[in-house]
Amino acid sequence: LIANGVVIVPSYVHDGTPQPVEDRVGQIMREAFPGRSVLFVRCTPMNWHGGGLHCATLSEPKSD
């Protein structure tokens, strides 16, 4: 999820992804999105309930 000043990335370290893999993903994201913070969020509970981070943010209503 790319937002103002931040890139939110799913984390699966708690589910078996090695920390060095996530560290490398964070490095790639920081290089791809300079000036933005990279924040990892554990998304497995969302995945089990019908969607992940991307799905949860697709249908945001337009603000007035």
C-alpha atoms as a PDB file:
ATOM      1  CA  LEU A   1       0.000   0.000   0.000  1.00  0.00           C
ATOM      2  CA  ILE A   2       1.501   3.301  -1.091  1.00  0.00           C
ATOM      3  CA  ALA A   3       0.212   6.323   0.801  1.00  0.00           C
ATOM      4  CA  ASN A   4       1.343   9.812   1.721  1.00  0.00           C
ATOM      5  CA  GLY A   5       4.869   9.468   3.075  1.00  0.00           C
ATOM      6  CA  VAL A   6       4.648   5.722   3.705  1.00  0.00           C
ATOM      7  CA  VAL A   7       4.745   2.344   2.006  1.00  0.00           C
ATOM      8  CA  ILE A   8       2.965  -0.357   4.032  1.00  0.00           C
ATOM      9  CA  VAL A   9       4.188  -3.861   3.253  1.00  0.00           C
ATOM     10  CA  PRO A  10       2.801  -7.183   4.496  1.00  0.00           C
ATOM     11  CA  SER A  11       5.048  -9.018   6.950  1.00  0.00           C
ATOM     12  CA  TYR A  12       5.146 -12.784   7.208  1.00  0.00           C
ATOM     13  CA  VAL A  13       8.117 -13.167   9.559  1.00  0.00           C
ATOM     14  CA  HIS A  14       5.797 -14.461  12.293  1.00  0.00           C
ATOM     15  CA  ASP A  15       4.640 -17.126   9.834  1.00  0.00           C
ATOM     16  CA  GLY A  16       8.034 -18.407   8.749  1.00  0.00           C
ATOM     17  CA  THR A  17       9.590 -15.903   6.356  1.00  0.00           C
ATOM     18  CA  PRO A  18      13.221 -15.424   7.425  1.00  0.00           C
ATOM     19  CA  GLN A  19      13.995 -11.964   8.819  1.00  0.00           C
ATOM     20  CA  PRO A  20      16.831 -11.411   6.287  1.00  0.00           C
ATOM     21  CA  VAL A  21      14.295 -11.803   3.473  1.00  0.00           C
ATOM     22  CA  GLU A  22      12.059  -9.123   4.988  1.00  0.00           C
ATOM     23  CA  ASP A  23      15.090  -6.900   5.556  1.00  0.00           C
ATOM     24  CA  ARG A  24      15.956  -7.187   1.855  1.00  0.00           C
ATOM     25  CA  VAL A  25      12.368  -6.386   0.855  1.00  0.00           C
ATOM     26  CA  GLY A  26      12.516  -3.302   3.072  1.00  0.00           C
ATOM     27  CA  GLN A  27      15.754  -2.220   1.406  1.00  0.00           C
ATOM     28  CA  ILE A  28      14.227  -2.638  -2.064  1.00  0.00           C
ATOM     29  CA  MET A  29      11.136  -0.655  -1.054  1.00  0.00           C
ATOM     30  CA  ARG A  30      13.217   2.178   0.432  1.00  0.00           C
ATOM     31  CA  GLU A  31      15.219   2.365  -2.799  1.00  0.00           C
ATOM     32  CA  ALA A  32      12.063   2.302  -4.928  1.00  0.00           C
ATOM     33  CA  PHE A  33      10.254   4.899  -2.794  1.00  0.00           C
ATOM     34  CA  PRO A  34      12.854   7.382  -1.529  1.00  0.00           C
ATOM     35  CA  GLY A  35      11.527   9.834   1.027  1.00  0.00           C
ATOM     36  CA  ARG A  36       8.822   7.460   2.279  1.00  0.00           C
ATOM     37  CA  SER A  37       8.868   5.368   5.424  1.00  0.00           C
ATOM     38  CA  VAL A  38       8.548   1.613   4.954  1.00  0.00           C
ATOM     39  CA  LEU A  39       6.273  -0.010   7.514  1.00  0.00           C
ATOM     40  CA  PHE A  40       5.783  -3.767   7.793  1.00  0.00           C
ATOM     41  CA  VAL A  41       2.420  -4.973   9.107  1.00  0.00           C
ATOM     42  CA  ARG A  42       1.510  -8.534  10.037  1.00  0.00           C
ATOM     43  CA  CYS A  43      -1.280  -9.404   7.606  1.00  0.00           C
ATOM     44  CA  THR A  44      -1.967 -13.102   8.177  1.00  0.00           C
ATOM     45  CA  PRO A  45      -5.132 -12.417  10.238  1.00  0.00           C
ATOM     46  CA  MET A  46      -6.486 -10.298   7.357  1.00  0.00           C
ATOM     47  CA  ASN A  47      -5.651 -13.036   4.880  1.00  0.00           C
ATOM     48  CA  TRP A  48      -7.634 -15.560   6.921  1.00  0.00           C
ATOM     49  CA  HIS A  49     -10.650 -13.232   7.007  1.00  0.00           C
ATOM     50  CA  GLY A  50     -11.146 -12.617   3.318  1.00  0.00           C
ATOM     51  CA  GLY A  51      -8.309 -10.504   2.021  1.00  0.00           C
ATOM     52  CA  GLY A  52      -4.950  -8.970   2.603  1.00  0.00           C
ATOM     53  CA  LEU A  53      -3.663  -5.451   2.930  1.00  0.00           C
ATOM     54  CA  HIS A  54      -4.320  -4.619  -0.714  1.00  0.00           C
ATOM     55  CA  CYS A  55      -7.884  -5.962  -0.618  1.00  0.00           C
ATOM     56  CA  ALA A  56      -8.667  -4.098   2.609  1.00  0.00           C
ATOM     57  CA  THR A  57      -7.787  -0.760   1.031  1.00  0.00           C
ATOM     58  CA  LEU A  58      -9.359  -1.082  -2.422  1.00  0.00           C
ATOM     59  CA  SER A  59     -12.861   0.172  -1.718  1.00  0.00           C
ATOM     60  CA  GLU A  60     -12.296   3.251   0.379  1.00  0.00           C
ATOM     61  CA  PRO A  61     -15.125   5.750  -0.102  1.00  0.00           C
ATOM     62  CA  LYS A  62     -14.412   9.127  -1.599  1.00  0.00           C
ATOM     63  CA  SER A  63     -14.261  11.883   1.022  1.00  0.00           C
ATOM     64  CA  ASP A  64     -16.412  14.969   0.563  1.00  0.00           C
END
